[in-house]
């Protein structure tokens, strides 16, 4: 290979690396999933997420920031309003004490966590009351629960129906950050 070809090969390869590794991209995903509830019911919800992803120059510091995230109910629950908050919902349940629906969400973005008040533990809870979703403090009823919503929505989920069993495997993965495996009262120091 001539020096000119080697230089061209290097420049093109470096340009491709920059394009793949550094330039943020807008991504959307839609899927449906089974959600196992405490009372033994399994409901199906439709999910939509839009996020911006980026990576470091070296390609070793992936980041995704949700710009929209929705949960839409189906069947007999279709009358419930969509949950629509730009966070990562990890838990959906109906509180046995009052019958209200709850969604617990988190974020993998330290910037979003700081913008939203740096809660400790790093969760936001939403309750469906009087026909609308309202943010509340993380309740005792949420503490200690395992997530039941898909939170690792890679390109393989688009257009699929995700089963409850698939999500159990996701939550049990030892490589998953602790806040995605259990709703805990622990302080998360990953952004401190």
N, C-alpha and C. Protein backbone atom coordinates (compact mmCIF):
# COMPACT_ATOMS: atom_id res chain seq x y z
N UNK A 1 0.84 -1.19 0.00
CA UNK A 1 0.00 0.00 0.00
C UNK A 1 0.88 1.24 0.00
N UNK A 2 0.50 2.22 -0.79
CA UNK A 2 1.28 3.45 -0.85
C UNK A 2 1.00 4.31 0.37
N UNK A 3 1.88 5.25 0.60
CA UNK A 3 1.72 6.16 1.74
C UNK A 3 0.43 6.96 1.62
N UNK A 4 0.08 7.35 0.40
CA UNK A 4 -1.14 8.13 0.18
C UNK A 4 -2.38 7.30 0.55
N UNK A 5 -2.38 6.03 0.17
CA UNK A 5 -3.51 5.16 0.49
C UNK A 5 -3.60 4.91 2.00
N UNK A 6 -2.45 4.70 2.63
CA UNK A 6 -2.44 4.50 4.08
C UNK A 6 -2.98 5.74 4.80
N UNK A 7 -2.56 6.92 4.33
CA UNK A 7 -3.05 8.16 4.94
C UNK A 7 -4.55 8.30 4.74
N UNK A 8 -5.03 8.03 3.54
CA UNK A 8 -6.46 8.10 3.26
C UNK A 8 -7.23 7.10 4.12
N UNK A 9 -6.71 5.88 4.24
CA UNK A 9 -7.34 4.84 5.07
C UNK A 9 -7.43 5.30 6.53
N UNK A 10 -6.33 5.89 7.04
CA UNK A 10 -6.30 6.38 8.41
C UNK A 10 -7.30 7.51 8.62
N UNK A 11 -7.34 8.47 7.70
CA UNK A 11 -8.25 9.62 7.82
C UNK A 11 -9.70 9.15 7.77
N UNK A 12 -10.03 8.26 6.85
CA UNK A 12 -11.40 7.75 6.76
C UNK A 12 -11.78 6.96 8.01
N UNK A 13 -10.88 6.13 8.50
CA UNK A 13 -11.13 5.36 9.71
C UNK A 13 -11.33 6.25 10.92
N UNK A 14 -10.48 7.28 11.04
CA UNK A 14 -10.60 8.21 12.15
C UNK A 14 -11.91 8.99 12.06
N UNK A 15 -12.29 9.41 10.86
CA UNK A 15 -13.56 10.13 10.67
C UNK A 15 -14.74 9.25 11.05
N UNK A 16 -14.69 8.00 10.66
CA UNK A 16 -15.78 7.07 11.00
C UNK A 16 -15.85 6.87 12.51
N UNK A 17 -14.70 6.77 13.16
CA UNK A 17 -14.68 6.62 14.62
C UNK A 17 -15.32 7.83 15.29
N UNK A 18 -14.99 9.02 14.81
CA UNK A 18 -15.58 10.23 15.37
C UNK A 18 -17.08 10.25 15.16
N UNK A 19 -17.52 9.85 13.98
CA UNK A 19 -18.94 9.86 13.67
C UNK A 19 -19.70 8.90 14.56
N UNK A 20 -19.17 7.71 14.74
CA UNK A 20 -19.86 6.71 15.56
C UNK A 20 -19.74 7.03 17.03
N UNK A 21 -18.56 7.47 17.48
CA UNK A 21 -18.31 7.58 18.90
C UNK A 21 -18.71 8.88 19.54
N UNK A 22 -18.86 9.97 18.81
CA UNK A 22 -18.98 11.25 19.48
C UNK A 22 -20.24 12.03 19.19
N UNK A 23 -20.78 11.90 18.03
CA UNK A 23 -21.90 12.73 17.65
C UNK A 23 -23.18 12.17 18.27
N UNK A 24 -23.87 13.00 19.05
CA UNK A 24 -25.10 12.51 19.67
C UNK A 24 -26.15 12.14 18.63
N UNK A 25 -26.97 11.20 19.00
CA UNK A 25 -28.02 10.78 18.09
C UNK A 25 -29.36 10.70 18.80
N UNK A 26 -30.42 11.01 18.07
CA UNK A 26 -31.77 10.89 18.62
C UNK A 26 -32.28 9.50 18.28
N UNK A 27 -32.80 8.82 19.28
CA UNK A 27 -33.26 7.44 19.14
C UNK A 27 -34.67 7.32 19.70
N UNK A 28 -35.50 6.53 19.06
CA UNK A 28 -36.82 6.22 19.61
C UNK A 28 -37.01 4.72 19.60
N UNK A 29 -37.79 4.23 20.56
CA UNK A 29 -38.13 2.81 20.64
C UNK A 29 -39.59 2.70 21.06
N UNK A 30 -40.29 1.72 20.47
CA UNK A 30 -41.68 1.39 20.85
C UNK A 30 -41.75 -0.12 21.03
N UNK A 31 -42.45 -0.55 22.08
CA UNK A 31 -42.64 -1.98 22.32
C UNK A 31 -43.81 -2.16 23.27
N UNK A 32 -44.23 -3.40 23.46
CA UNK A 32 -45.23 -3.71 24.48
C UNK A 32 -44.57 -4.66 25.46
N UNK A 33 -45.11 -4.70 26.66
CA UNK A 33 -44.53 -5.59 27.66
C UNK A 33 -45.57 -6.05 28.66
N UNK A 34 -45.34 -7.26 29.14
CA UNK A 34 -46.15 -7.81 30.22
C UNK A 34 -45.62 -7.23 31.53
N UNK A 35 -46.54 -6.90 32.43
CA UNK A 35 -46.16 -6.40 33.75
C UNK A 35 -46.84 -7.27 34.79
N UNK A 36 -46.05 -7.97 35.58
CA UNK A 36 -46.57 -8.83 36.64
C UNK A 36 -46.89 -7.96 37.86
N UNK A 37 -48.13 -8.05 38.33
CA UNK A 37 -48.57 -7.26 39.49
C UNK A 37 -48.59 -8.13 40.75
N UNK A 38 -48.64 -7.47 41.90
CA UNK A 38 -48.63 -8.17 43.20
C UNK A 38 -49.76 -9.17 43.36
N UNK A 39 -50.92 -8.86 42.80
CA UNK A 39 -52.09 -9.72 43.00
C UNK A 39 -52.14 -10.91 42.04
N UNK A 40 -51.07 -11.10 41.27
CA UNK A 40 -51.00 -12.23 40.35
C UNK A 40 -51.42 -11.91 38.93
N UNK A 41 -52.04 -10.74 38.73
CA UNK A 41 -52.42 -10.35 37.37
C UNK A 41 -51.17 -10.02 36.55
N UNK A 42 -51.29 -10.25 35.27
CA UNK A 42 -50.27 -9.81 34.33
C UNK A 42 -50.99 -8.92 33.33
N UNK A 43 -50.61 -7.65 33.31
CA UNK A 43 -51.22 -6.71 32.38
C UNK A 43 -50.23 -6.44 31.25
N UNK A 44 -50.73 -5.88 30.16
CA UNK A 44 -49.88 -5.49 29.05
C UNK A 44 -49.96 -3.99 28.88
N UNK A 45 -48.78 -3.38 28.76
CA UNK A 45 -48.70 -1.94 28.52
C UNK A 45 -47.89 -1.71 27.26
N UNK A 46 -48.13 -0.57 26.64
CA UNK A 46 -47.33 -0.14 25.50
C UNK A 46 -46.35 0.91 25.99
N UNK A 47 -45.13 0.80 25.52
CA UNK A 47 -44.08 1.72 25.94
C UNK A 47 -43.52 2.47 24.75
N UNK A 48 -43.13 3.70 24.99
CA UNK A 48 -42.46 4.53 24.00
C UNK A 48 -41.38 5.30 24.73
N UNK A 49 -40.22 5.39 24.13
CA UNK A 49 -39.15 6.19 24.70
C UNK A 49 -38.40 6.90 23.58
N UNK A 50 -38.05 8.14 23.83
CA UNK A 50 -37.18 8.91 22.93
C UNK A 50 -36.02 9.38 23.79
N UNK A 51 -34.82 9.23 23.27
CA UNK A 51 -33.66 9.66 24.03
C UNK A 51 -32.56 10.09 23.09
N UNK A 52 -31.62 10.83 23.65
CA UNK A 52 -30.43 11.24 22.91
C UNK A 52 -29.27 10.47 23.49
N UNK A 53 -28.52 9.83 22.60
CA UNK A 53 -27.37 9.06 23.07
C UNK A 53 -26.09 9.67 22.53
N UNK A 54 -25.03 9.49 23.30
CA UNK A 54 -23.72 9.97 22.89
C UNK A 54 -22.67 9.07 23.51
N UNK A 55 -21.44 9.30 23.11
CA UNK A 55 -20.32 8.52 23.61
C UNK A 55 -19.10 9.43 23.66
N UNK A 56 -18.11 9.03 24.40
CA UNK A 56 -16.88 9.81 24.47
C UNK A 56 -16.08 9.64 23.19
N UNK A 57 -15.04 10.42 23.04
CA UNK A 57 -14.17 10.32 21.87
C UNK A 57 -13.61 8.90 21.75
N UNK A 58 -13.32 8.30 22.88
CA UNK A 58 -12.73 6.95 22.87
C UNK A 58 -13.79 5.87 22.73
N UNK A 59 -15.06 6.26 22.85
CA UNK A 59 -16.14 5.27 22.72
C UNK A 59 -16.39 4.48 23.99
N UNK A 60 -15.88 4.96 25.13
CA UNK A 60 -15.99 4.19 26.37
C UNK A 60 -16.87 4.83 27.43
N UNK A 61 -17.59 5.88 27.10
CA UNK A 61 -18.43 6.57 28.10
C UNK A 61 -19.80 6.85 27.49
N UNK A 62 -20.57 5.81 27.28
CA UNK A 62 -21.90 5.93 26.69
C UNK A 62 -22.81 6.71 27.63
N UNK A 63 -23.67 7.53 27.04
CA UNK A 63 -24.64 8.30 27.81
C UNK A 63 -25.95 8.35 27.03
N UNK A 64 -27.06 8.22 27.75
CA UNK A 64 -28.38 8.35 27.14
C UNK A 64 -29.24 9.24 28.04
N UNK A 65 -29.89 10.20 27.44
CA UNK A 65 -30.76 11.10 28.18
C UNK A 65 -32.16 11.04 27.59
N UNK A 66 -33.11 10.59 28.41
CA UNK A 66 -34.50 10.48 27.95
C UNK A 66 -35.07 11.87 27.69
N UNK A 67 -35.73 12.01 26.55
CA UNK A 67 -36.44 13.24 26.25
C UNK A 67 -37.95 13.02 26.32
N UNK A 68 -38.36 11.75 26.27
CA UNK A 68 -39.77 11.40 26.44
C UNK A 68 -39.86 9.93 26.80
N UNK A 69 -40.78 9.60 27.69
CA UNK A 69 -41.00 8.22 28.07
C UNK A 69 -42.47 8.07 28.46
N UNK A 70 -43.16 7.12 27.82
CA UNK A 70 -44.58 6.94 28.11
C UNK A 70 -44.91 5.49 28.41
N UNK A 71 -45.95 5.32 29.21
CA UNK A 71 -46.56 4.03 29.47
C UNK A 71 -48.03 4.20 29.14
N UNK A 72 -48.54 3.38 28.22
CA UNK A 72 -49.96 3.40 27.84
C UNK A 72 -50.58 2.07 28.22
N UNK A 73 -51.75 2.15 28.82
CA UNK A 73 -52.43 0.95 29.31
C UNK A 73 -53.34 0.37 28.24
N UNK A 74 -53.54 -0.94 28.31
CA UNK A 74 -54.39 -1.65 27.35
C UNK A 74 -55.55 -2.33 28.07
N UNK A 75 -56.46 -2.86 27.26
CA UNK A 75 -57.55 -3.69 27.78
C UNK A 75 -58.44 -2.95 28.75
N UNK A 76 -58.78 -3.61 29.86
CA UNK A 76 -59.68 -3.00 30.85
C UNK A 76 -59.06 -1.78 31.53
N UNK A 77 -57.75 -1.61 31.41
CA UNK A 77 -57.08 -0.45 32.01
C UNK A 77 -56.85 0.69 31.02
N UNK A 78 -57.35 0.52 29.80
CA UNK A 78 -57.13 1.52 28.74
C UNK A 78 -57.70 2.89 29.11
N UNK A 79 -58.61 2.93 30.05
CA UNK A 79 -59.20 4.21 30.47
C UNK A 79 -58.22 5.05 31.31
N UNK A 80 -57.17 4.41 31.82
CA UNK A 80 -56.18 5.15 32.61
C UNK A 80 -55.37 6.06 31.69
N UNK A 81 -55.02 7.25 32.17
CA UNK A 81 -54.22 8.15 31.32
C UNK A 81 -52.79 7.62 31.18
N UNK A 82 -52.16 7.99 30.07
CA UNK A 82 -50.76 7.63 29.86
C UNK A 82 -49.89 8.29 30.92
N UNK A 83 -48.89 7.57 31.35
CA UNK A 83 -47.82 8.16 32.15
C UNK A 83 -46.83 8.72 31.14
N UNK A 84 -46.45 9.99 31.27
CA UNK A 84 -45.62 10.65 30.25
C UNK A 84 -44.63 11.58 30.95
N UNK A 85 -43.46 11.04 31.30
CA UNK A 85 -42.43 11.79 32.02
C UNK A 85 -41.07 11.39 31.44
N UNK A 86 -40.17 12.33 31.16
CA UNK A 86 -38.89 11.97 30.56
C UNK A 86 -37.87 11.40 31.56
N UNK A 87 -38.23 10.27 32.12
CA UNK A 87 -37.36 9.52 33.03
C UNK A 87 -37.41 8.05 32.64
N UNK A 88 -36.71 7.20 33.37
CA UNK A 88 -36.71 5.76 33.12
C UNK A 88 -37.63 5.09 34.16
N UNK A 89 -38.85 4.73 33.77
CA UNK A 89 -39.73 4.05 34.72
C UNK A 89 -39.23 2.63 34.97
N UNK A 90 -39.16 2.24 36.23
CA UNK A 90 -38.66 0.90 36.56
C UNK A 90 -39.70 0.04 37.27
N UNK A 91 -40.72 0.67 37.84
CA UNK A 91 -41.70 -0.07 38.63
C UNK A 91 -43.10 0.49 38.40
N UNK A 92 -44.05 -0.41 38.18
CA UNK A 92 -45.46 -0.06 38.05
C UNK A 92 -46.24 -1.01 38.93
N UNK A 93 -47.10 -0.46 39.81
CA UNK A 93 -47.92 -1.32 40.65
C UNK A 93 -49.18 -0.59 41.09
N UNK A 94 -50.14 -1.38 41.56
CA UNK A 94 -51.35 -0.82 42.15
C UNK A 94 -51.25 -1.02 43.65
N UNK A 95 -51.24 0.07 44.38
CA UNK A 95 -51.06 0.01 45.83
C UNK A 95 -52.27 -0.64 46.48
N UNK A 96 -52.05 -1.72 47.20
CA UNK A 96 -53.15 -2.45 47.83
C UNK A 96 -53.83 -1.63 48.92
N UNK A 97 -53.12 -0.68 49.53
CA UNK A 97 -53.70 0.08 50.63
C UNK A 97 -54.74 1.10 50.18
N UNK A 98 -54.57 1.66 48.98
CA UNK A 98 -55.52 2.69 48.54
C UNK A 98 -56.03 2.47 47.10
N UNK A 99 -55.52 1.47 46.41
CA UNK A 99 -55.96 1.17 45.05
C UNK A 99 -55.36 2.07 43.98
N UNK A 100 -54.53 3.03 44.38
CA UNK A 100 -53.93 3.94 43.41
C UNK A 100 -52.77 3.28 42.67
N UNK A 101 -52.62 3.65 41.41
CA UNK A 101 -51.50 3.17 40.62
C UNK A 101 -50.29 4.02 40.91
N UNK A 102 -49.11 3.39 40.89
CA UNK A 102 -47.86 4.10 41.14
C UNK A 102 -46.83 3.70 40.10
N UNK A 103 -46.01 4.67 39.71
CA UNK A 103 -44.86 4.44 38.85
C UNK A 103 -43.65 5.03 39.59
N UNK A 104 -42.59 4.24 39.69
CA UNK A 104 -41.33 4.72 40.25
C UNK A 104 -40.34 4.78 39.09
N UNK A 105 -39.66 5.94 38.98
CA UNK A 105 -38.73 6.16 37.87
C UNK A 105 -37.39 6.62 38.41
N UNK A 106 -36.37 6.48 37.59
CA UNK A 106 -35.02 6.94 37.92
C UNK A 106 -34.39 7.49 36.65
N UNK A 107 -33.11 7.78 36.70
CA UNK A 107 -32.37 8.23 35.53
C UNK A 107 -30.94 7.73 35.62
N UNK A 108 -30.33 7.56 34.47
CA UNK A 108 -28.90 7.20 34.43
C UNK A 108 -28.04 8.43 34.19
N UNK A 109 -28.68 9.58 34.04
CA UNK A 109 -27.98 10.83 33.74
C UNK A 109 -27.78 11.66 35.01
N UNK A 110 -26.53 11.92 35.35
CA UNK A 110 -26.24 12.75 36.53
C UNK A 110 -26.77 14.17 36.34
N UNK A 111 -26.78 14.64 35.09
CA UNK A 111 -27.29 15.99 34.82
C UNK A 111 -28.79 16.07 35.11
N UNK A 112 -29.54 15.09 34.65
CA UNK A 112 -30.99 15.07 34.90
C UNK A 112 -31.26 14.93 36.39
N UNK A 113 -30.52 14.05 37.06
CA UNK A 113 -30.66 13.85 38.51
C UNK A 113 -30.46 15.18 39.24
N UNK A 114 -29.41 15.93 38.87
CA UNK A 114 -29.14 17.22 39.52
C UNK A 114 -30.22 18.25 39.18
N UNK A 115 -30.64 18.30 37.91
CA UNK A 115 -31.69 19.24 37.50
C UNK A 115 -33.00 19.00 38.23
N UNK A 116 -33.26 17.74 38.60
CA UNK A 116 -34.51 17.38 39.26
C UNK A 116 -34.37 17.32 40.79
N UNK A 117 -33.36 17.97 41.33
CA UNK A 117 -33.25 18.11 42.77
C UNK A 117 -32.37 17.11 43.48
N UNK A 118 -31.65 16.26 42.78
CA UNK A 118 -30.72 15.29 43.37
C UNK A 118 -31.34 14.46 44.49
N UNK A 119 -32.49 13.81 44.24
CA UNK A 119 -33.12 13.06 45.33
C UNK A 119 -32.27 11.88 45.79
N UNK A 120 -32.34 11.60 47.06
CA UNK A 120 -31.71 10.43 47.63
C UNK A 120 -32.75 9.71 48.46
N UNK A 121 -33.07 8.50 48.12
CA UNK A 121 -32.53 7.70 47.03
C UNK A 121 -32.94 8.29 45.66
N UNK A 122 -32.28 7.86 44.58
CA UNK A 122 -32.43 8.50 43.27
C UNK A 122 -33.67 8.05 42.48
N UNK A 123 -34.85 8.29 43.07
CA UNK A 123 -36.10 7.89 42.43
C UNK A 123 -37.12 9.02 42.51
N UNK A 124 -38.03 9.00 41.56
CA UNK A 124 -39.19 9.87 41.58
C UNK A 124 -40.41 8.96 41.52
N UNK A 125 -41.40 9.24 42.34
CA UNK A 125 -42.61 8.43 42.34
C UNK A 125 -43.77 9.26 41.82
N UNK A 126 -44.62 8.61 41.04
CA UNK A 126 -45.81 9.26 40.49
C UNK A 126 -47.01 8.41 40.88
N UNK A 127 -48.06 9.07 41.35
CA UNK A 127 -49.30 8.40 41.74
C UNK A 127 -50.44 8.90 40.88
N UNK A 128 -51.29 7.96 40.49
CA UNK A 128 -52.48 8.31 39.72
C UNK A 128 -53.61 8.58 40.70
N UNK A 129 -53.94 9.86 40.85
CA UNK A 129 -55.04 10.26 41.73
C UNK A 129 -55.90 11.27 41.00
N UNK A 130 -57.20 11.11 41.14
CA UNK A 130 -58.17 12.01 40.50
C UNK A 130 -57.93 12.12 39.00
N UNK A 131 -57.54 11.00 38.37
CA UNK A 131 -57.41 10.96 36.93
C UNK A 131 -56.16 11.57 36.34
N UNK A 132 -55.17 11.89 37.18
CA UNK A 132 -53.93 12.49 36.67
C UNK A 132 -52.73 11.95 37.44
N UNK A 133 -51.60 11.85 36.76
CA UNK A 133 -50.36 11.42 37.40
C UNK A 133 -49.72 12.62 38.08
N UNK A 134 -49.40 12.46 39.37
CA UNK A 134 -48.77 13.53 40.14
C UNK A 134 -47.52 13.00 40.81
N UNK A 135 -46.48 13.82 40.81
CA UNK A 135 -45.25 13.42 41.48
C UNK A 135 -45.46 13.51 42.99
N UNK A 136 -44.99 12.47 43.69
CA UNK A 136 -45.08 12.42 45.15
C UNK A 136 -43.72 12.01 45.71
N UNK A 137 -43.60 12.01 47.01
CA UNK A 137 -42.39 11.48 47.64
C UNK A 137 -42.36 9.97 47.46
N UNK A 138 -41.17 9.41 47.45
CA UNK A 138 -41.04 7.96 47.37
C UNK A 138 -41.71 7.35 48.60
N UNK A 139 -42.70 6.51 48.36
CA UNK A 139 -43.50 5.96 49.47
C UNK A 139 -42.86 4.71 50.07
N UNK A 140 -43.24 4.43 51.30
CA UNK A 140 -42.80 3.20 51.97
C UNK A 140 -43.28 1.98 51.18
N UNK A 141 -44.43 2.09 50.50
CA UNK A 141 -44.97 0.98 49.74
C UNK A 141 -44.08 0.61 48.55
N UNK A 142 -43.25 1.53 48.10
CA UNK A 142 -42.37 1.26 46.96
C UNK A 142 -41.02 0.67 47.38
N UNK A 143 -40.58 1.00 48.58
CA UNK A 143 -39.29 0.54 49.07
C UNK A 143 -39.27 -1.00 49.16
N UNK A 144 -38.21 -1.60 48.68
CA UNK A 144 -38.03 -3.05 48.76
C UNK A 144 -38.61 -3.82 47.58
N UNK A 145 -39.26 -3.14 46.67
CA UNK A 145 -39.84 -3.83 45.51
C UNK A 145 -38.79 -4.00 44.42
N UNK A 146 -38.93 -5.08 43.65
CA UNK A 146 -38.09 -5.29 42.48
C UNK A 146 -38.75 -4.62 41.29
N UNK A 147 -37.97 -4.01 40.41
CA UNK A 147 -38.53 -3.42 39.20
C UNK A 147 -39.27 -4.45 38.36
N UNK A 148 -40.34 -4.01 37.72
CA UNK A 148 -41.11 -4.90 36.85
C UNK A 148 -41.30 -4.31 35.45
N UNK A 149 -40.60 -3.21 35.16
CA UNK A 149 -40.65 -2.60 33.83
C UNK A 149 -39.29 -2.72 33.16
N UNK A 150 -39.31 -2.80 31.85
CA UNK A 150 -38.08 -2.89 31.07
C UNK A 150 -37.34 -1.56 31.16
N UNK A 151 -36.08 -1.61 31.53
CA UNK A 151 -35.29 -0.39 31.63
C UNK A 151 -34.05 -0.43 30.73
N UNK A 152 -33.72 -1.56 30.16
CA UNK A 152 -32.58 -1.68 29.24
C UNK A 152 -33.14 -1.85 27.84
N UNK A 153 -33.58 -0.76 27.26
CA UNK A 153 -34.27 -0.84 25.98
C UNK A 153 -33.32 -0.61 24.82
N UNK A 154 -32.57 -1.66 24.50
CA UNK A 154 -31.66 -1.60 23.36
C UNK A 154 -32.43 -1.76 22.06
N UNK A 155 -31.72 -1.76 20.97
CA UNK A 155 -32.39 -1.83 19.66
C UNK A 155 -33.17 -3.11 19.45
N UNK A 156 -32.87 -4.16 20.20
CA UNK A 156 -33.56 -5.44 20.04
C UNK A 156 -35.01 -5.43 20.54
N UNK A 157 -35.41 -4.43 21.31
CA UNK A 157 -36.78 -4.41 21.86
C UNK A 157 -37.79 -3.78 20.91
N UNK A 158 -37.31 -3.00 19.95
CA UNK A 158 -38.21 -2.26 19.07
C UNK A 158 -39.22 -3.18 18.41
N UNK A 159 -40.50 -2.86 18.62
CA UNK A 159 -41.60 -3.59 17.99
C UNK A 159 -41.92 -4.93 18.61
N UNK A 160 -41.24 -5.32 19.66
CA UNK A 160 -41.47 -6.63 20.27
C UNK A 160 -42.44 -6.56 21.44
N UNK A 161 -42.89 -7.74 21.85
CA UNK A 161 -43.63 -7.88 23.11
C UNK A 161 -42.67 -8.55 24.08
N UNK A 162 -42.33 -7.85 25.15
CA UNK A 162 -41.39 -8.33 26.14
C UNK A 162 -42.17 -9.03 27.25
N UNK A 163 -41.77 -10.24 27.59
CA UNK A 163 -42.48 -11.01 28.61
C UNK A 163 -41.98 -10.64 30.01
N UNK A 164 -42.79 -10.96 31.01
CA UNK A 164 -42.40 -10.73 32.40
C UNK A 164 -41.15 -11.53 32.73
N UNK A 165 -41.03 -12.74 32.21
CA UNK A 165 -39.87 -13.59 32.48
C UNK A 165 -38.58 -12.97 31.94
N UNK A 166 -38.64 -12.36 30.77
CA UNK A 166 -37.46 -11.71 30.21
C UNK A 166 -36.97 -10.59 31.11
N UNK A 167 -37.90 -9.87 31.73
CA UNK A 167 -37.51 -8.75 32.59
C UNK A 167 -36.92 -9.23 33.90
N UNK A 168 -37.35 -10.38 34.40
CA UNK A 168 -36.76 -10.94 35.62
C UNK A 168 -35.29 -11.23 35.37
N UNK A 169 -34.98 -11.81 34.22
CA UNK A 169 -33.59 -12.08 33.87
C UNK A 169 -32.78 -10.79 33.81
N UNK A 170 -33.38 -9.72 33.26
CA UNK A 170 -32.71 -8.43 33.16
C UNK A 170 -32.37 -7.90 34.55
N UNK A 171 -33.31 -7.96 35.48
CA UNK A 171 -33.10 -7.42 36.82
C UNK A 171 -32.11 -8.24 37.64
N UNK A 172 -32.00 -9.52 37.34
CA UNK A 172 -31.10 -10.39 38.09
C UNK A 172 -29.66 -10.33 37.59
N UNK A 173 -29.41 -9.62 36.49
CA UNK A 173 -28.07 -9.51 35.93
C UNK A 173 -27.17 -8.78 36.92
N UNK A 174 -26.08 -9.42 37.32
CA UNK A 174 -25.16 -8.84 38.32
C UNK A 174 -24.50 -7.56 37.82
N UNK A 175 -24.45 -7.34 36.51
CA UNK A 175 -23.84 -6.15 35.96
C UNK A 175 -24.73 -4.92 35.98
N UNK A 176 -25.99 -5.10 36.37
CA UNK A 176 -26.93 -3.98 36.40
C UNK A 176 -26.72 -3.17 37.68
N UNK A 177 -26.74 -1.86 37.55
CA UNK A 177 -26.59 -0.96 38.70
C UNK A 177 -27.67 -1.28 39.73
N UNK A 178 -27.31 -1.22 41.00
CA UNK A 178 -28.20 -1.64 42.10
C UNK A 178 -29.56 -0.96 42.07
N UNK A 179 -29.63 0.32 41.72
CA UNK A 179 -30.91 1.03 41.77
C UNK A 179 -31.92 0.49 40.75
N UNK A 180 -31.44 -0.29 39.77
CA UNK A 180 -32.33 -0.91 38.80
C UNK A 180 -32.74 -2.32 39.22
N UNK A 181 -32.13 -2.85 40.26
CA UNK A 181 -32.46 -4.21 40.71
C UNK A 181 -33.43 -4.23 41.88
N UNK A 182 -33.47 -3.14 42.66
CA UNK A 182 -34.32 -3.08 43.85
C UNK A 182 -34.55 -1.62 44.20
N UNK A 183 -35.81 -1.26 44.50
CA UNK A 183 -36.10 0.10 44.96
C UNK A 183 -35.64 0.16 46.42
N UNK A 184 -34.59 0.90 46.65
CA UNK A 184 -33.93 0.89 47.95
C UNK A 184 -33.87 2.30 48.55
N UNK A 185 -33.75 2.35 49.86
CA UNK A 185 -33.59 3.62 50.56
C UNK A 185 -32.15 4.09 50.54
N UNK A 186 -31.25 3.27 50.04
CA UNK A 186 -29.82 3.58 50.07
C UNK A 186 -29.50 4.83 49.26
N UNK A 187 -28.50 5.53 49.73
CA UNK A 187 -28.00 6.69 49.01
C UNK A 187 -27.16 6.18 47.84
N UNK A 188 -27.37 6.77 46.68
CA UNK A 188 -26.62 6.40 45.48
C UNK A 188 -25.53 7.43 45.30
N UNK A 189 -24.27 7.00 45.33
CA UNK A 189 -23.14 7.93 45.24
C UNK A 189 -22.56 8.03 43.84
N UNK A 190 -23.22 7.44 42.85
CA UNK A 190 -22.65 7.43 41.51
C UNK A 190 -22.55 8.83 40.88
N UNK A 191 -23.35 9.78 41.34
CA UNK A 191 -23.30 11.14 40.77
C UNK A 191 -22.71 12.15 41.75
N UNK A 192 -22.21 11.69 42.86
CA UNK A 192 -21.69 12.63 43.87
C UNK A 192 -20.22 12.90 43.68
